[in-house]
Amino acid sequence: MTDLAIGDKAPDFTLPRNGGGEINLASLQGKAVVLYFYPKDDTSGCTVQALDFSAMGADFEAANSVVIGISPDSVKSHDKFAAKHALTVMLASDEEKTVLETYGVWKEKSMYGKKYMGVERTTYLIAPDGKIAKIWSKVKPAGHAQIVLEAIRAL
């Protein structure tokens, strides 16, 4: 696991995505890219976040940016999640957890005294030049999409 910081070149990746096909970070150079890492499809916080990013899709597009949600769920799970909630946000599947580990979001968590490994809800904003412009850790889902959009507009 690497400790990524603002100003670092964002590590490239290629992952399978909902709706078929793959998403490759390097292919998005020239646009701002929002990578939001979330724990699990169809859970309350993750649904709020995905719905907000989907609802604001046109705003992100107008700001020359792409939003990608990444979790360890399968593409099949992402497809069901997207269909159930009419999501338009792109969802990438990292079942091997390689991208989650590279970006430092696969962490030990604890709930009710039990320790387990899981995704710490984190968002990376990657500037059009491929460098990390902003990192939000331990994100609260409600209102987060608006905060990210304002940061993109300020780039």
Protein backbone atom coordinates (compact mmCIF):
# COMPACT_ATOMS: atom_id res chain seq x y z
CA MET A 1 0.00 0.00 0.00
CA THR A 2 1.31 3.38 -0.94
CA ASP A 3 0.53 6.64 0.75
CA LEU A 4 -0.70 8.84 -2.05
CA ALA A 5 -0.62 12.59 -1.59
CA ILE A 6 -1.91 15.68 -3.36
CA GLY A 7 0.37 16.40 -6.33
CA ASP A 8 1.26 12.72 -6.91
CA LYS A 9 0.56 11.15 -10.28
CA ALA A 10 -2.61 9.05 -9.86
CA PRO A 11 -1.78 5.34 -10.31
CA ASP A 12 -3.26 4.01 -13.56
CA PHE A 13 -5.64 1.06 -13.58
CA THR A 14 -8.00 -0.87 -15.81
CA LEU A 15 -11.10 -2.41 -14.23
CA PRO A 16 -14.28 -4.06 -15.50
CA ARG A 17 -17.33 -1.81 -15.21
CA ASN A 18 -21.09 -2.02 -14.97
CA GLY A 19 -22.87 -2.36 -18.30
CA GLY A 20 -19.91 -4.26 -19.78
CA GLY A 21 -16.49 -3.15 -20.91
CA GLU A 22 -13.62 -1.70 -18.93
CA ILE A 23 -12.59 1.65 -17.56
CA ASN A 24 -8.97 2.76 -17.87
CA LEU A 25 -7.74 5.81 -15.96
CA ALA A 26 -5.03 6.80 -18.47
CA SER A 27 -7.65 7.02 -21.24
CA LEU A 28 -9.38 9.84 -19.31
CA GLN A 29 -6.40 12.24 -19.30
CA GLY A 30 -7.57 15.76 -20.12
CA LYS A 31 -10.66 15.45 -17.93
CA ALA A 32 -11.00 15.77 -14.18
CA VAL A 33 -11.69 12.32 -12.73
CA VAL A 34 -13.56 11.64 -9.51
CA LEU A 35 -12.70 8.25 -8.03
CA TYR A 36 -15.01 7.52 -5.17
CA PHE A 37 -14.29 4.34 -3.27
CA TYR A 38 -17.23 2.86 -1.40
CA PRO A 39 -17.77 -0.27 0.72
CA LYS A 40 -20.76 -2.11 -0.77
CA ASP A 41 -23.48 -1.91 -3.41
CA ASP A 42 -27.03 -1.26 -2.23
CA THR A 43 -26.24 -0.29 1.35
CA SER A 44 -27.74 2.93 2.68
CA GLY A 45 -24.72 5.28 2.57
CA CYS A 46 -23.43 3.88 -0.71
CA THR A 47 -26.87 4.27 -2.30
CA VAL A 48 -27.14 7.92 -1.15
CA GLN A 49 -23.71 8.62 -2.62
CA ALA A 50 -24.40 6.86 -5.96
CA LEU A 51 -27.80 8.56 -6.31
CA ASP A 52 -26.27 12.01 -5.65
CA PHE A 53 -23.45 11.51 -8.18
CA SER A 54 -26.00 10.17 -10.71
CA ALA A 55 -28.42 13.07 -10.15
CA MET A 56 -25.60 15.55 -10.74
CA GLY A 57 -24.19 13.71 -13.76
CA ALA A 58 -24.91 16.56 -16.20
CA ASP A 59 -23.17 19.04 -13.87
CA PHE A 60 -20.07 16.85 -13.70
CA GLU A 61 -20.11 16.42 -17.48
CA ALA A 62 -20.44 20.18 -17.98
CA ALA A 63 -17.37 20.59 -15.73
CA ASN A 64 -15.40 18.26 -18.06
CA SER A 65 -15.21 15.51 -15.48
CA VAL A 66 -15.95 11.81 -15.13
CA VAL A 67 -17.20 10.13 -11.95
CA ILE A 68 -16.25 6.51 -11.21
CA GLY A 69 -17.43 4.58 -8.16
CA ILE A 70 -15.14 1.69 -7.18
CA SER A 71 -15.92 -1.13 -4.75
CA PRO A 72 -14.92 -4.77 -4.32
CA ASP A 73 -18.37 -5.88 -5.54
CA SER A 74 -18.68 -7.88 -8.76
CA VAL A 75 -19.81 -6.39 -12.08
CA LYS A 76 -23.01 -8.46 -11.73
CA SER A 77 -23.65 -6.79 -8.34
CA HIS A 78 -22.95 -3.34 -9.86
CA ASP A 79 -25.38 -4.03 -12.72
CA LYS A 80 -28.14 -5.01 -10.25
CA PHE A 81 -27.40 -1.96 -8.05
CA ALA A 82 -27.45 0.40 -11.06
CA ALA A 83 -30.68 -1.12 -12.45
CA LYS A 84 -32.49 -1.05 -9.08
CA HIS A 85 -31.76 2.64 -8.49
CA ALA A 86 -31.54 3.86 -12.13
CA LEU A 87 -27.94 4.95 -11.53
CA THR A 88 -26.06 6.68 -14.33
CA VAL A 89 -22.72 6.87 -12.51
CA MET A 90 -20.02 4.49 -13.75
CA LEU A 91 -19.25 1.65 -11.30
CA ALA A 92 -15.98 -0.26 -11.50
CA SER A 93 -15.39 -3.66 -9.92
CA ASP A 94 -12.18 -4.36 -8.00
CA GLU A 95 -12.78 -7.89 -6.70
CA GLU A 96 -9.02 -8.48 -6.45
CA LYS A 97 -8.73 -5.28 -4.35
CA THR A 98 -5.54 -4.23 -6.18
CA VAL A 99 -6.76 -0.68 -6.93
CA LEU A 100 -8.30 -0.39 -3.44
CA GLU A 101 -4.90 -1.29 -1.95
CA THR A 102 -2.95 0.96 -4.35
CA TYR A 103 -5.10 3.93 -3.35
CA GLY A 104 -4.83 3.01 0.34
CA VAL A 105 -8.56 2.60 1.01
CA TRP A 106 -8.59 -1.13 1.88
CA LYS A 107 -8.20 -0.84 5.65
CA GLU A 108 -8.82 -2.59 8.91
CA LYS A 109 -12.15 -1.45 10.28
CA SER A 110 -14.07 -2.38 13.38
CA MET A 111 -17.75 -2.74 14.13
CA TYR A 112 -19.19 -3.83 17.47
CA GLY A 113 -15.67 -4.68 18.65
CA LYS A 114 -14.95 -7.00 15.71
CA LYS A 115 -12.07 -6.16 13.40
CA TYR A 116 -12.37 -6.80 9.66
CA MET A 117 -10.96 -5.54 6.37
CA GLY A 118 -13.10 -3.20 4.30
CA VAL A 119 -13.20 -0.07 2.17
CA GLU A 120 -12.82 3.26 3.93
CA ARG A 121 -15.15 5.62 2.05
CA THR A 122 -12.68 7.92 0.29
CA THR A 123 -12.79 10.18 -2.77
CA TYR A 124 -9.86 11.20 -4.96
CA LEU A 125 -10.10 14.12 -7.35
CA ILE A 126 -7.64 13.71 -10.20
CA ALA A 127 -6.88 16.84 -12.21
CA PRO A 128 -6.88 16.76 -16.04
CA ASP A 129 -3.06 16.42 -15.97
CA GLY A 130 -3.38 13.08 -14.12
CA LYS A 131 -2.21 14.38 -10.75
CA ILE A 132 -4.14 14.03 -7.50
CA ALA A 133 -5.75 17.41 -6.74
CA LYS A 134 -7.74 16.55 -3.61
CA ILE A 135 -8.41 13.62 -1.26
CA TRP A 136 -11.42 13.27 1.02
CA SER A 137 -11.13 10.53 3.67
CA LYS A 138 -13.90 9.01 5.81
CA VAL A 139 -16.51 10.68 3.59
CA LYS A 140 -20.04 11.32 4.84
CA PRO A 141 -22.21 10.45 1.80
CA ALA A 142 -24.94 13.12 2.09
CA GLY A 143 -23.96 16.30 0.22
CA HIS A 144 -20.56 14.93 -0.81
CA ALA A 145 -21.21 15.08 -4.57
CA GLN A 146 -21.86 18.85 -4.33
CA ILE A 147 -18.59 19.39 -2.41
CA VAL A 148 -16.67 17.42 -5.07
CA LEU A 149 -18.31 19.36 -7.93
CA GLU A 150 -17.34 22.68 -6.32
CA ALA A 151 -13.72 21.43 -6.00
CA ILE A 152 -13.70 20.52 -9.72
CA ARG A 153 -15.00 23.96 -10.67
CA ALA A 154 -12.20 25.49 -8.57
CA LEU A 155 -9.44 23.54 -10.39
